[in-house]
Amino acid sequence: MCLGVPAKVVEFTENHMAVVDVDGNQVNISIQLTPEVKIGQYVLVHAGFAMDIIDESFAEETMKLLKQLQPQ
């Protein structure tokens, strides 16, 4: 099973790369598969790649559900 994590694009860097925010953590990812993404949009990240552009409400709901899976 694979897990994609929602992230907000905050900055573009060189060579089809971007910095994204994943629940307060900044991560470098490839945007080669989603070259049309814009700063401020949300993407679904898997294995260091933005797999798809998603809307903000879907990103927030997904993060909420992922947090519920964390052990207390």
C-alpha atoms as a PDB file:
ATOM      1  CA  MET A   1       0.000   0.000   0.000  1.00  0.00           C
ATOM      2  CA  CYS A   2       1.245   3.490  -0.853  1.00  0.00           C
ATOM      3  CA  LEU A   3       0.575   6.660   1.060  1.00  0.00           C
ATOM      4  CA  GLY A   4       0.444  10.136  -0.443  1.00  0.00           C
ATOM      5  CA  VAL A   5       0.751  13.126   1.858  1.00  0.00           C
ATOM      6  CA  PRO A   6      -0.765  16.549   1.118  1.00  0.00           C
ATOM      7  CA  ALA A   7       1.667  19.464   0.962  1.00  0.00           C
ATOM      8  CA  LYS A   8       1.488  23.169   0.120  1.00  0.00           C
ATOM      9  CA  VAL A   9       3.930  24.489  -2.491  1.00  0.00           C
ATOM     10  CA  VAL A  10       5.904  27.394  -0.993  1.00  0.00           C
ATOM     11  CA  GLU A  11       8.845  27.898  -3.350  1.00  0.00           C
ATOM     12  CA  PHE A  12      10.229  26.754  -6.686  1.00  0.00           C
ATOM     13  CA  THR A  13      13.889  25.775  -6.963  1.00  0.00           C
ATOM     14  CA  GLU A  14      16.039  24.531  -9.852  1.00  0.00           C
ATOM     15  CA  ASN A  15      15.487  21.530 -12.124  1.00  0.00           C
ATOM     16  CA  HIS A  16      11.745  20.982 -11.650  1.00  0.00           C
ATOM     17  CA  MET A  17      12.052  20.972  -7.870  1.00  0.00           C
ATOM     18  CA  ALA A  18      10.008  22.772  -5.218  1.00  0.00           C
ATOM     19  CA  VAL A  19       9.909  23.314  -1.486  1.00  0.00           C
ATOM     20  CA  VAL A  20       6.627  22.244   0.094  1.00  0.00           C
ATOM     21  CA  ASP A  21       5.177  22.503   3.573  1.00  0.00           C
ATOM     22  CA  VAL A  22       3.984  19.229   5.072  1.00  0.00           C
ATOM     23  CA  ASP A  23       2.325  19.977   8.413  1.00  0.00           C
ATOM     24  CA  GLY A  24       4.923  22.606   9.300  1.00  0.00           C
ATOM     25  CA  ASN A  25       7.937  20.757   7.879  1.00  0.00           C
ATOM     26  CA  GLN A  26       9.656  22.013   4.729  1.00  0.00           C
ATOM     27  CA  VAL A  27      10.562  19.304   2.229  1.00  0.00           C
ATOM     28  CA  ASN A  28      12.203  19.386  -1.213  1.00  0.00           C
ATOM     29  CA  ILE A  29      10.253  17.476  -3.863  1.00  0.00           C
ATOM     30  CA  SER A  30      10.165  17.004  -7.620  1.00  0.00           C
ATOM     31  CA  ILE A  31       7.366  18.679  -9.582  1.00  0.00           C
ATOM     32  CA  GLN A  32       8.298  16.990 -12.860  1.00  0.00           C
ATOM     33  CA  LEU A  33       4.934  15.186 -12.932  1.00  0.00           C
ATOM     34  CA  THR A  34       2.975  18.384 -12.133  1.00  0.00           C
ATOM     35  CA  PRO A  35       4.824  21.183 -13.963  1.00  0.00           C
ATOM     36  CA  GLU A  36       1.683  23.373 -14.029  1.00  0.00           C
ATOM     37  CA  VAL A  37       1.519  23.684 -10.219  1.00  0.00           C
ATOM     38  CA  LYS A  38       1.651  27.190  -8.753  1.00  0.00           C
ATOM     39  CA  ILE A  39       2.958  28.516  -5.447  1.00  0.00           C
ATOM     40  CA  GLY A  40       0.206  28.268  -2.828  1.00  0.00           C
ATOM     41  CA  GLN A  41      -1.438  25.227  -4.387  1.00  0.00           C
ATOM     42  CA  TYR A  42      -1.573  21.834  -2.694  1.00  0.00           C
ATOM     43  CA  VAL A  43      -0.108  18.643  -4.104  1.00  0.00           C
ATOM     44  CA  LEU A  44      -0.239  14.992  -3.133  1.00  0.00           C
ATOM     45  CA  VAL A  45       3.350  13.878  -2.453  1.00  0.00           C
ATOM     46  CA  HIS A  46       4.579  10.305  -2.703  1.00  0.00           C
ATOM     47  CA  ALA A  47       8.206   9.139  -2.764  1.00  0.00           C
ATOM     48  CA  GLY A  48       9.497  12.695  -3.223  1.00  0.00           C
ATOM     49  CA  PHE A  49       7.266  13.510  -6.200  1.00  0.00           C
ATOM     50  CA  ALA A  50       4.163  15.674  -6.485  1.00  0.00           C
ATOM     51  CA  MET A  51       1.761  13.155  -7.993  1.00  0.00           C
ATOM     52  CA  ASP A  52      -1.288  15.399  -8.428  1.00  0.00           C
ATOM     53  CA  ILE A  53      -2.590  18.880  -7.653  1.00  0.00           C
ATOM     54  CA  ILE A  54      -5.362  18.739  -5.042  1.00  0.00           C
ATOM     55  CA  ASP A  55      -7.692  21.315  -3.577  1.00  0.00           C
ATOM     56  CA  GLU A  56      -7.145  22.856  -0.163  1.00  0.00           C
ATOM     57  CA  SER A  57     -10.195  21.309   1.501  1.00  0.00           C
ATOM     58  CA  PHE A  58      -9.159  17.814   0.394  1.00  0.00           C
ATOM     59  CA  ALA A  59      -5.607  18.473   1.682  1.00  0.00           C
ATOM     60  CA  GLU A  60      -6.878  19.652   5.080  1.00  0.00           C
ATOM     61  CA  GLU A  61      -9.289  16.722   5.483  1.00  0.00           C
ATOM     62  CA  THR A  62      -6.573  14.228   4.539  1.00  0.00           C
ATOM     63  CA  MET A  63      -4.111  15.716   7.059  1.00  0.00           C
ATOM     64  CA  LYS A  64      -6.807  15.599   9.743  1.00  0.00           C
ATOM     65  CA  LEU A  65      -7.381  11.912   9.063  1.00  0.00           C
ATOM     66  CA  LEU A  66      -3.646  11.130   9.006  1.00  0.00           C
ATOM     67  CA  LYS A  67      -3.218  12.820  12.400  1.00  0.00           C
ATOM     68  CA  GLN A  68      -5.972  10.607  13.815  1.00  0.00           C
ATOM     69  CA  LEU A  69      -3.885   7.560  12.880  1.00  0.00           C
ATOM     70  CA  GLN A  70      -0.939   8.703  15.027  1.00  0.00           C
ATOM     71  CA  PRO A  71      -0.576   6.904  18.351  1.00  0.00           C
ATOM     72  CA  GLN A  72      -1.603   8.951  21.360  1.00  0.00           C
END
